[in-house]
Protein backbone atom coordinates (compact mmCIF):
# COMPACT_ATOMS: atom_id res chain seq x y z
CA MET A 1 22.36 -32.95 106.72
CA ALA A 2 22.74 -30.32 109.64
CA PHE A 3 19.43 -28.99 108.51
CA PHE A 4 17.50 -31.99 108.95
CA ILE A 5 18.70 -32.77 112.51
CA ALA A 6 17.61 -29.23 113.41
CA LEU A 7 14.32 -30.01 112.00
CA LEU A 8 14.07 -33.53 113.79
CA LEU A 9 15.34 -31.69 117.29
CA ILE A 10 12.56 -29.28 116.78
CA VAL A 11 9.92 -31.90 116.37
CA LEU A 12 11.34 -33.87 119.05
CA GLY A 13 10.58 -31.13 121.50
CA ILE A 14 7.53 -30.27 120.63
CA ILE A 15 6.78 -34.06 121.32
CA LEU A 16 8.23 -33.97 124.58
CA LEU A 17 6.30 -30.53 125.38
CA ALA A 18 2.93 -32.44 124.62
CA SER A 19 4.24 -35.58 126.54
CA PRO A 20 2.91 -36.21 130.11
CA ALA A 21 5.18 -36.86 132.88
CA ASN A 22 6.15 -40.56 133.01
CA ARG A 23 8.71 -42.72 134.47
CA ASN A 24 11.28 -43.13 131.73
CA VAL A 25 10.98 -38.86 131.07
CA PRO A 26 9.81 -37.25 134.67
CA ASN A 27 10.15 -33.74 133.57
CA PRO A 28 9.47 -33.59 129.69
CA LYS A 29 8.41 -30.19 129.36
CA PRO A 30 11.88 -28.33 130.30
CA THR A 31 13.92 -31.58 128.22
CA GLY A 32 11.33 -30.47 125.15
CA VAL A 33 12.14 -26.79 125.19
CA ILE A 34 16.07 -27.09 125.86
CA THR A 35 15.43 -29.95 122.50
CA ILE A 36 13.83 -26.52 120.44
CA LEU A 37 15.99 -24.26 121.69
CA ALA A 38 18.92 -26.51 120.64
CA GLY A 39 17.07 -27.38 116.75
CA SER A 40 16.08 -23.63 116.37
CA ALA A 41 19.64 -22.53 117.19
CA LEU A 42 21.00 -24.89 114.77
CA LEU A 43 18.51 -23.99 112.15
CA ILE A 44 19.41 -20.37 112.45
CA TYR A 45 23.38 -21.37 112.23
CA LYS A 46 22.17 -23.01 108.86
CA SER A 47 20.40 -19.84 108.05
CA ILE A 48 23.53 -17.40 108.30
CA VAL A 49 26.31 -17.99 105.65
CA VAL A 50 29.93 -15.80 105.64
CA VAL A 51 31.01 -15.37 102.27
CA PRO A 52 34.76 -14.24 102.69
CA ALA A 53 36.18 -11.49 101.13
CA GLY A 54 37.54 -12.20 97.42
CA ASN A 55 34.68 -14.23 96.92
CA VAL A 56 30.78 -14.46 96.12
CA GLY A 57 28.33 -16.73 96.90
CA VAL A 58 26.15 -18.44 94.51
CA VAL A 59 22.49 -19.85 96.24
CA ASP A 60 21.37 -23.03 94.89
CA PHE A 61 17.70 -23.87 96.08
CA PHE A 62 17.48 -27.63 94.86
CA GLY A 63 18.71 -27.11 91.44
CA ASN A 64 17.21 -23.45 91.36
CA VAL A 65 20.35 -21.05 91.42
CA SER A 66 19.05 -17.41 92.02
CA SER A 67 20.62 -14.64 89.94
CA ASN A 68 21.35 -12.61 93.02
CA VAL A 69 24.97 -13.62 94.44
CA LEU A 70 26.13 -13.07 98.18
CA LYS A 71 28.27 -10.04 98.56
CA PRO A 72 31.34 -10.98 101.13
CA GLY A 73 30.13 -10.74 104.65
CA ILE A 74 27.10 -12.29 106.74
CA ASN A 75 24.41 -13.30 104.72
CA LEU A 76 20.59 -14.45 105.79
CA VAL A 77 19.88 -17.31 103.16
CA ASN A 78 17.09 -20.18 103.01
CA PRO A 79 18.17 -23.33 105.10
CA PHE A 80 17.13 -25.40 102.60
CA ALA A 81 19.75 -23.92 100.03
CA LYS A 82 23.26 -24.29 99.38
CA VAL A 83 25.53 -21.72 98.93
CA VAL A 84 28.66 -22.05 96.54
CA LYS A 85 31.41 -19.71 97.04
CA MET A 86 33.21 -18.99 94.01
CA ASN A 87 36.50 -16.96 94.09
CA ILE A 88 36.58 -13.47 92.01
CA LYS A 89 40.30 -12.65 93.24
CA THR A 90 42.94 -12.01 90.22
CA ARG A 91 44.49 -15.46 89.45
CA GLU A 92 47.56 -16.98 87.52
CA ILE A 93 47.74 -19.98 85.43
CA LYS A 94 51.21 -20.73 83.74
CA GLU A 95 51.43 -22.42 80.42
CA ALA A 96 54.23 -24.12 79.04
CA THR A 97 53.93 -25.32 75.63
CA SER A 98 55.63 -26.22 72.30
CA VAL A 99 53.94 -24.26 69.44
CA PRO A 100 54.37 -23.23 65.91
CA THR A 101 55.91 -20.16 64.21
CA GLN A 102 54.71 -18.43 60.48
CA GLU A 103 58.23 -20.49 59.11
CA GLY A 104 57.43 -24.01 60.61
CA LEU A 105 59.54 -24.11 63.11
CA SER A 106 58.68 -25.33 66.90
CA LEU A 107 59.81 -23.23 70.03
CA GLY A 108 59.06 -23.37 73.76
CA LEU A 109 57.15 -20.63 74.77
CA GLU A 110 56.12 -20.04 78.65
CA VAL A 111 53.09 -17.54 79.19
CA SER A 112 50.92 -16.57 82.18
CA LEU A 113 47.27 -15.77 82.31
CA LEU A 114 46.19 -13.51 84.72
CA TYR A 115 42.27 -13.11 84.84
CA HIS A 116 39.42 -13.22 87.51
CA LEU A 117 35.90 -14.19 87.55
CA ASP A 118 33.24 -11.71 86.85
CA PRO A 119 31.14 -11.20 90.15
CA GLU A 120 27.68 -10.47 88.50
CA LYS A 121 27.86 -13.33 86.35
CA ALA A 122 28.89 -15.98 88.97
CA PRO A 123 25.64 -17.80 88.70
CA GLU A 124 25.58 -18.29 84.94
CA VAL A 125 29.29 -19.81 85.32
CA TYR A 126 27.94 -22.12 88.11
CA LYS A 127 24.61 -23.27 86.13
CA THR A 128 26.74 -23.68 82.34
CA VAL A 129 29.76 -24.63 83.39
CA GLY A 130 30.23 -25.23 87.05
CA PRO A 131 33.04 -23.99 89.67
CA ILE A 132 35.85 -25.66 87.85
CA TYR A 133 35.46 -23.73 84.47
CA GLU A 134 39.19 -23.13 84.60
CA GLU A 135 39.93 -26.57 83.61
CA VAL A 136 36.49 -26.85 81.30
CA ILE A 137 36.64 -23.60 79.39
CA LEU A 138 39.95 -21.41 80.30
CA VAL A 139 42.86 -23.63 80.18
CA PRO A 140 41.50 -25.24 76.70
CA GLN A 141 40.95 -22.02 74.95
CA PHE A 142 43.56 -20.47 76.35
CA ARG A 143 46.39 -23.17 74.97
CA SER A 144 44.40 -23.03 71.53
CA VAL A 145 44.85 -19.07 71.27
CA ILE A 146 48.51 -19.73 71.97
CA ARG A 147 48.72 -21.47 69.03
CA ALA A 148 46.89 -19.98 67.04
CA VAL A 149 48.06 -16.52 67.24
CA THR A 150 51.76 -17.50 67.69
CA SER A 151 51.75 -19.30 64.09
CA GLY A 152 51.13 -15.97 62.60
CA TYR A 153 54.76 -14.71 63.63
CA GLU A 154 58.60 -15.35 62.46
CA ALA A 155 60.85 -16.81 65.02
CA LYS A 156 63.04 -13.85 64.70
CA ALA A 157 60.66 -11.09 65.24
CA LEU A 158 59.99 -12.74 68.87
CA TYR A 159 63.34 -11.39 69.69
CA THR A 160 62.66 -7.67 68.96
CA SER A 161 59.58 -5.59 70.59
CA VAL A 162 57.21 -7.82 68.41
CA ARG A 163 56.95 -10.22 71.00
CA GLU A 164 54.77 -7.51 73.10
CA LYS A 165 52.61 -7.48 70.22
CA LEU A 166 52.14 -11.32 70.09
CA ALA A 167 51.39 -11.05 74.09
CA THR A 168 48.62 -8.38 73.42
CA GLY A 169 47.33 -10.76 70.52
CA ILE A 170 46.84 -13.39 72.89
CA THR A 171 44.96 -11.28 75.36
CA SER A 172 42.61 -9.85 72.58
CA GLU A 173 41.78 -13.17 71.19
CA LEU A 174 41.28 -14.71 74.28
CA LYS A 175 39.19 -12.19 75.44
CA LYS A 176 36.93 -12.37 72.60
CA ILE A 177 36.43 -15.96 73.87
CA VAL A 178 35.88 -16.31 77.35
CA GLU A 179 34.74 -12.80 78.62
CA VAL A 180 30.84 -13.55 77.14
CA ARG A 181 31.31 -16.83 79.68
CA GLY A 182 31.99 -14.31 82.43
CA ILE A 183 35.68 -14.90 82.69
CA VAL A 184 37.92 -11.94 82.70
CA VAL A 185 41.08 -11.40 81.08
CA GLU A 186 43.63 -9.23 82.66
CA SER A 187 46.67 -10.02 80.99
CA THR A 188 48.86 -12.95 79.30
CA PRO A 189 52.65 -11.64 79.71
CA LEU A 190 55.45 -13.89 78.12
CA ARG A 191 57.78 -15.41 80.68
CA ASN A 192 60.18 -17.01 78.30
CA ILE A 193 60.91 -17.97 74.75
CA GLN A 194 63.06 -20.72 73.89
CA LEU A 195 64.18 -21.50 70.31
CA PRO A 196 66.33 -24.22 69.32
CA ALA A 197 69.53 -23.90 69.88
CA LYS A 198 71.02 -23.41 65.95
CA VAL A 199 68.02 -21.61 65.41
CA ALA A 200 68.38 -18.78 68.07
CA ASP A 201 72.36 -18.54 67.24
CA ALA A 202 71.74 -17.94 63.61
CA ILE A 203 69.21 -15.30 64.41
CA GLU A 204 71.16 -13.51 66.89
CA GLU A 205 73.87 -13.74 64.33
CA LYS A 206 71.51 -11.99 62.07
CA LEU A 207 70.59 -9.70 64.12
CA ARG A 208 74.24 -8.51 64.77
CA ALA A 209 74.95 -8.23 61.32
CA GLU A 210 71.87 -6.05 60.99
CA GLN A 211 73.00 -3.81 63.83
CA GLU A 212 76.71 -3.51 62.42
CA SER A 213 74.86 -2.38 58.78
CA GLN A 214 73.02 0.33 60.80
CA ARG A 215 76.29 1.26 62.87
CA MET A 216 78.41 1.62 59.13
CA GLN A 217 75.68 3.55 57.87
CA PHE A 218 75.21 5.95 60.99
CA VAL A 219 79.55 6.64 60.31
CA LEU A 220 79.12 7.12 56.29
CA GLU A 221 76.33 9.60 57.30
CA LYS A 222 78.35 11.29 59.95
CA GLU A 223 81.39 11.61 57.46
CA ARG A 224 79.42 12.75 54.40
CA LEU A 225 77.65 15.64 56.61
CA GLU A 226 81.61 16.42 57.77
CA ALA A 227 82.64 16.62 54.15
CA ASP A 228 79.83 18.99 53.54
CA ARG A 229 80.88 21.12 56.56
CA LYS A 230 84.50 21.15 55.08
CA ARG A 231 83.39 22.13 51.59
CA ILE A 232 81.01 24.64 52.63
CA GLU A 233 83.80 26.52 55.03
CA GLY A 234 86.56 26.33 52.39
CA GLN A 235 84.05 27.99 49.75
CA GLY A 236 83.29 30.46 52.82
CA ILE A 237 86.89 31.14 52.68
CA ALA A 238 87.44 31.25 49.12
CA ASP A 239 84.60 33.82 48.94
CA PHE A 240 86.41 36.17 51.50
CA GLN A 241 89.73 36.09 50.02
CA LYS A 242 87.90 37.11 46.60
CA ILE A 243 86.33 40.10 48.15
CA VAL A 244 89.76 41.03 49.92
CA SER A 245 91.52 40.49 46.45
CA GLU A 246 89.14 42.65 44.57
CA GLY A 247 88.96 45.30 47.35
CA LEU A 248 92.99 46.17 47.25
CA ASN A 249 92.86 48.08 43.64
CA LYS A 250 95.94 50.25 42.71
CA GLU A 251 94.02 53.41 44.32
CA LEU A 252 93.82 51.83 47.43
CA LEU A 253 97.58 50.94 48.04
CA GLN A 254 98.69 54.23 46.93
CA TRP A 255 96.49 55.77 49.23
CA LYS A 256 98.04 53.88 52.22
CA GLY A 257 101.46 54.60 51.08
CA ILE A 258 100.45 58.40 51.48
CA GLU A 259 98.98 57.82 54.54
CA ALA A 260 101.96 55.95 55.82
CA THR A 261 104.52 58.51 54.27
CA GLU A 262 102.64 61.09 56.47
CA LYS A 263 103.06 59.13 59.76
CA LEU A 264 106.89 58.30 58.85
CA ALA A 265 107.29 62.24 58.64
CA GLY A 266 106.19 63.19 61.46
CA SER A 267 108.04 60.81 63.44
CA ALA A 268 111.10 61.97 65.78
CA ASN A 269 113.30 58.99 64.62
CA ALA A 270 115.70 60.23 62.01
CA LYS A 271 115.10 58.35 58.48
CA VAL A 272 116.13 58.74 54.73
CA ILE A 273 112.68 58.91 52.54
CA VAL A 274 112.74 58.52 48.80
CA VAL A 275 109.81 59.67 47.33
CA GLY A 276 108.83 58.61 43.28
CA GLY A 277 109.38 54.72 43.75
CA LYS A 278 107.54 52.44 41.27
CA ASP A 279 104.08 52.95 41.46
CA GLY A 280 104.84 56.35 43.23
CA LEU A 281 105.30 54.97 46.54
CA PRO A 282 107.65 55.77 49.42
CA LEU A 283 111.02 53.81 49.61
CA ILE A 284 112.19 53.89 53.19
CA LEU A 285 116.14 53.55 52.62
CA ASN A 286 117.39 53.65 56.65
CA SER A 287 115.52 53.77 59.52
CA GLU A 288 117.40 54.44 63.05
CA LYS A 289 117.16 56.01 66.58
């Protein structure tokens, strides 16, 4: 609309410049110049487009969409063209829905979708879908993928680290569908999983039982290892005693007896020693200072 007003002002100014002075317009030329300048200024204004940061501009010239996008900043365009600004920032869609599991249970799932528009494909998205592509493509496909992927998992698995695998699966499947349309999927984090109360209690009880079983297995293994340690220790002591016992033969004992007799004989203390007892060893009958 502003473009046509600018053209009208320019045409009116040209007419005024060509018109002779008359009673209604005593000085048509200055008025014509001012009118032309006003129209030209408005035309230049319409030819300048400022694209905000985080956006790209799509140029639509009477239905002919240019494949070249306008970058953020000041851009000069055909004043006849319409510029549609499309957001390319990371955006979030929050979805809360009821989905089936592998065993047929229904659970509440809250999932976020982080995505952004591919800047280079913005003209194609505008031509084929329009600026409200989220409502037309993204949200319906997001809901469909959530249901499809969740149905491949058991409810109890979603209480374990498998929930990260579920989120990865949703991201992967959604990418296959929407990225060819110019929408980049960044991630689909799970915010909350809500099971029916009885089902949740049963799953938690089962998980507690499994954890207790694992704990008992750990205790039994620890006791088994301790028993093995004690058995090995006892065997070592027995082997040592056997070696010592075999080493204490008759000849060794006699030799030790002779050594003891020699030490006693060299002592300054008075003593009575009888030699020739059983096994030929000395007998100490009395010892005093």
